[in-house]
Amino acid sequence: MSTLPTSFHLSITGLRVKPGIMNRLRFQYHAVRSFMQAQKADGVLHVAAKRVHGVEHTVTAWRDREAMLEFMRSGPHLEAMKAFHRIAEGSTLSEQADRIPEWPEVHRRWKERGVRYVR
């Protein structure tokens, strides 16, 4: 990952894992694989994950929206999206940005403007 440009595409995801140990284990399986995929993805500038107020957040920065979409629709992340509705619920926010927000702001933005995943 390189130094951030003055403008980039930012993605904020927040997921709440459904109750049950099997859902937590499935989530962990998909989260680790997707995180590793993101770290190596073409066009990625920043990858971070953290639980904030019980919500599993990821923050990624991309060269452009197309690079983010290419990542989303391939490999382990695609598998995770297919499994998502069985193990978690959540939303995402995707926008142009000029900086990576701190975690409290990540959570606030996600709560205020996140778009709910629908099947």
C-alpha atoms as a PDB file:
ATOM      1  CA  MET A   1       0.000   0.000   0.000  1.00  0.00           C
ATOM      2  CA  SER A   2       1.242   3.446  -0.879  1.00  0.00           C
ATOM      3  CA  THR A   3       0.901   6.992   0.399  1.00  0.00           C
ATOM      4  CA  LEU A   4      -2.611   8.331  -0.048  1.00  0.00           C
ATOM      5  CA  PRO A   5      -3.319  10.678  -2.968  1.00  0.00           C
ATOM      6  CA  THR A   6      -5.283  13.891  -2.408  1.00  0.00           C
ATOM      7  CA  SER A   7      -8.513  12.179  -3.511  1.00  0.00           C
ATOM      8  CA  PHE A   8      -9.480   8.510  -3.415  1.00  0.00           C
ATOM      9  CA  HIS A   9     -12.476   6.216  -3.088  1.00  0.00           C
ATOM     10  CA  LEU A  10     -13.332   5.306   0.516  1.00  0.00           C
ATOM     11  CA  SER A  11     -15.424   2.315   1.572  1.00  0.00           C
ATOM     12  CA  ILE A  12     -16.781   1.846   5.109  1.00  0.00           C
ATOM     13  CA  THR A  13     -18.528  -1.393   6.001  1.00  0.00           C
ATOM     14  CA  GLY A  14     -20.233  -2.282   9.262  1.00  0.00           C
ATOM     15  CA  LEU A  15     -21.560  -5.739  10.095  1.00  0.00           C
ATOM     16  CA  ARG A  16     -23.277  -7.198  13.130  1.00  0.00           C
ATOM     17  CA  VAL A  17     -22.775 -10.944  13.341  1.00  0.00           C
ATOM     18  CA  LYS A  18     -25.974 -12.869  14.016  1.00  0.00           C
ATOM     19  CA  PRO A  19     -26.117 -14.775  17.334  1.00  0.00           C
ATOM     20  CA  GLY A  20     -24.448 -18.160  17.583  1.00  0.00           C
ATOM     21  CA  ILE A  21     -20.933 -19.543  17.699  1.00  0.00           C
ATOM     22  CA  MET A  22     -21.187 -20.979  14.183  1.00  0.00           C
ATOM     23  CA  ASN A  23     -22.090 -17.572  12.760  1.00  0.00           C
ATOM     24  CA  ARG A  24     -19.103 -16.022  14.577  1.00  0.00           C
ATOM     25  CA  LEU A  25     -16.770 -18.725  13.226  1.00  0.00           C
ATOM     26  CA  ARG A  26     -18.117 -18.375   9.672  1.00  0.00           C
ATOM     27  CA  PHE A  27     -17.769 -14.610   9.907  1.00  0.00           C
ATOM     28  CA  GLN A  28     -14.153 -14.910  11.082  1.00  0.00           C
ATOM     29  CA  TYR A  29     -13.355 -17.330   8.244  1.00  0.00           C
ATOM     30  CA  HIS A  30     -14.721 -14.964   5.587  1.00  0.00           C
ATOM     31  CA  ALA A  31     -13.373 -11.805   7.253  1.00  0.00           C
ATOM     32  CA  VAL A  32      -9.789 -13.040   7.440  1.00  0.00           C
ATOM     33  CA  ARG A  33      -9.773 -14.262   3.847  1.00  0.00           C
ATOM     34  CA  SER A  34     -11.396 -11.053   2.542  1.00  0.00           C
ATOM     35  CA  PHE A  35      -8.976  -8.879   4.538  1.00  0.00           C
ATOM     36  CA  MET A  36      -5.990 -10.736   3.104  1.00  0.00           C
ATOM     37  CA  GLN A  37      -7.439 -10.398  -0.403  1.00  0.00           C
ATOM     38  CA  ALA A  38      -7.966  -6.654   0.108  1.00  0.00           C
ATOM     39  CA  GLN A  39      -4.369  -6.134   1.255  1.00  0.00           C
ATOM     40  CA  LYS A  40      -3.126  -7.538  -2.071  1.00  0.00           C
ATOM     41  CA  ALA A  41      -5.803  -6.076  -4.367  1.00  0.00           C
ATOM     42  CA  ASP A  42      -4.902  -3.930  -7.335  1.00  0.00           C
ATOM     43  CA  GLY A  43      -5.642  -0.276  -6.586  1.00  0.00           C
ATOM     44  CA  VAL A  44      -5.889  -0.593  -2.795  1.00  0.00           C
ATOM     45  CA  LEU A  45      -4.360   2.249  -0.784  1.00  0.00           C
ATOM     46  CA  HIS A  46      -5.450   1.439   2.790  1.00  0.00           C
ATOM     47  CA  VAL A  47      -7.054  -1.508   4.621  1.00  0.00           C
ATOM     48  CA  ALA A  48      -8.111  -1.522   8.287  1.00  0.00           C
ATOM     49  CA  ALA A  49     -10.604  -3.378  10.466  1.00  0.00           C
ATOM     50  CA  LYS A  50     -11.858  -2.835  14.003  1.00  0.00           C
ATOM     51  CA  ARG A  51     -14.865  -3.644  16.184  1.00  0.00           C
ATOM     52  CA  VAL A  52     -16.541  -0.404  17.300  1.00  0.00           C
ATOM     53  CA  HIS A  53     -19.583  -0.572  19.613  1.00  0.00           C
ATOM     54  CA  GLY A  54     -20.156  -4.214  18.685  1.00  0.00           C
ATOM     55  CA  VAL A  55     -20.015  -3.510  14.942  1.00  0.00           C
ATOM     56  CA  GLU A  56     -17.327  -5.176  12.807  1.00  0.00           C
ATOM     57  CA  HIS A  57     -16.013  -2.337  10.652  1.00  0.00           C
ATOM     58  CA  THR A  58     -13.687  -2.321   7.678  1.00  0.00           C
ATOM     59  CA  VAL A  59     -12.284   0.803   6.090  1.00  0.00           C
ATOM     60  CA  THR A  60     -10.636   0.588   2.703  1.00  0.00           C
ATOM     61  CA  ALA A  61      -9.286   3.281   0.405  1.00  0.00           C
ATOM     62  CA  TRP A  62      -8.988   2.692  -3.336  1.00  0.00           C
ATOM     63  CA  ARG A  63      -7.380   4.389  -6.311  1.00  0.00           C
ATOM     64  CA  ASP A  64     -10.894   4.644  -7.780  1.00  0.00           C
ATOM     65  CA  ARG A  65     -14.369   3.126  -7.540  1.00  0.00           C
ATOM     66  CA  GLU A  66     -13.637   0.641 -10.332  1.00  0.00           C
ATOM     67  CA  ALA A  67     -10.738  -0.893  -8.368  1.00  0.00           C
ATOM     68  CA  MET A  68     -13.034  -1.306  -5.359  1.00  0.00           C
ATOM     69  CA  LEU A  69     -15.753  -2.951  -7.463  1.00  0.00           C
ATOM     70  CA  GLU A  70     -13.258  -5.335  -9.060  1.00  0.00           C
ATOM     71  CA  PHE A  71     -12.151  -6.455  -5.590  1.00  0.00           C
ATOM     72  CA  MET A  72     -15.731  -6.754  -4.322  1.00  0.00           C
ATOM     73  CA  ARG A  73     -16.826  -9.013  -7.146  1.00  0.00           C
ATOM     74  CA  SER A  74     -14.003 -11.552  -6.974  1.00  0.00           C
ATOM     75  CA  GLY A  75     -12.335 -14.230  -4.866  1.00  0.00           C
ATOM     76  CA  PRO A  76     -12.899 -14.576  -1.128  1.00  0.00           C
ATOM     77  CA  HIS A  77     -14.850 -11.316  -0.909  1.00  0.00           C
ATOM     78  CA  LEU A  78     -17.405 -12.570  -3.423  1.00  0.00           C
ATOM     79  CA  GLU A  79     -17.737 -15.794  -1.396  1.00  0.00           C
ATOM     80  CA  ALA A  80     -18.237 -13.722   1.764  1.00  0.00           C
ATOM     81  CA  MET A  81     -20.962 -11.651   0.103  1.00  0.00           C
ATOM     82  CA  LYS A  82     -22.801 -14.822  -0.878  1.00  0.00           C
ATOM     83  CA  ALA A  83     -22.675 -16.079   2.739  1.00  0.00           C
ATOM     84  CA  PHE A  84     -23.445 -12.699   4.298  1.00  0.00           C
ATOM     85  CA  HIS A  85     -27.227 -13.018   4.755  1.00  0.00           C
ATOM     86  CA  ARG A  86     -26.859 -16.242   6.715  1.00  0.00           C
ATOM     87  CA  ILE A  87     -24.316 -14.912   9.203  1.00  0.00           C
ATOM     88  CA  ALA A  88     -24.628 -11.128   9.581  1.00  0.00           C
ATOM     89  CA  GLU A  89     -26.528  -7.953   8.839  1.00  0.00           C
ATOM     90  CA  GLY A  90     -25.120  -4.576   7.988  1.00  0.00           C
ATOM     91  CA  SER A  91     -24.552  -1.715   5.639  1.00  0.00           C
ATOM     92  CA  THR A  92     -21.853   0.066   3.703  1.00  0.00           C
ATOM     93  CA  LEU A  93     -20.875   3.565   2.695  1.00  0.00           C
ATOM     94  CA  SER A  94     -18.859   4.343  -0.418  1.00  0.00           C
ATOM     95  CA  GLU A  95     -17.691   7.851  -1.339  1.00  0.00           C
ATOM     96  CA  GLN A  96     -14.877  10.059  -2.589  1.00  0.00           C
ATOM     97  CA  ALA A  97     -12.627  11.256   0.218  1.00  0.00           C
ATOM     98  CA  ASP A  98      -9.413  13.143   0.912  1.00  0.00           C
ATOM     99  CA  ARG A  99      -8.508  11.481   4.230  1.00  0.00           C
ATOM    100  CA  ILE A 100      -9.065   8.317   6.279  1.00  0.00           C
ATOM    101  CA  PRO A 101     -11.433   9.072   9.179  1.00  0.00           C
ATOM    102  CA  GLU A 102     -10.644   8.065  12.769  1.00  0.00           C
ATOM    103  CA  TRP A 103     -12.665   5.138  14.182  1.00  0.00           C
ATOM    104  CA  PRO A 104     -15.298   7.180  16.067  1.00  0.00           C
ATOM    105  CA  GLU A 105     -16.012   9.091  12.846  1.00  0.00           C
ATOM    106  CA  VAL A 106     -16.086   5.839  10.839  1.00  0.00           C
ATOM    107  CA  HIS A 107     -18.816   4.492  13.106  1.00  0.00           C
ATOM    108  CA  ARG A 108     -20.762   7.774  13.085  1.00  0.00           C
ATOM    109  CA  ARG A 109     -20.669   8.066   9.266  1.00  0.00           C
ATOM    110  CA  TRP A 110     -21.707   4.421   8.924  1.00  0.00           C
ATOM    111  CA  LYS A 111     -24.685   4.907  11.275  1.00  0.00           C
ATOM    112  CA  GLU A 112     -25.793   8.115   9.555  1.00  0.00           C
ATOM    113  CA  ARG A 113     -25.246   7.278   5.881  1.00  0.00           C
ATOM    114  CA  GLY A 114     -24.638   3.561   5.481  1.00  0.00           C
ATOM    115  CA  VAL A 115     -26.757   1.810   2.841  1.00  0.00           C
ATOM    116  CA  ARG A 116     -28.306  -1.383   4.176  1.00  0.00           C
ATOM    117  CA  TYR A 117     -27.510  -4.617   2.406  1.00  0.00           C
ATOM    118  CA  VAL A 118     -30.587  -6.086   0.775  1.00  0.00           C
ATOM    119  CA  ARG A 119     -31.028  -9.462  -0.755  1.00  0.00           C
END
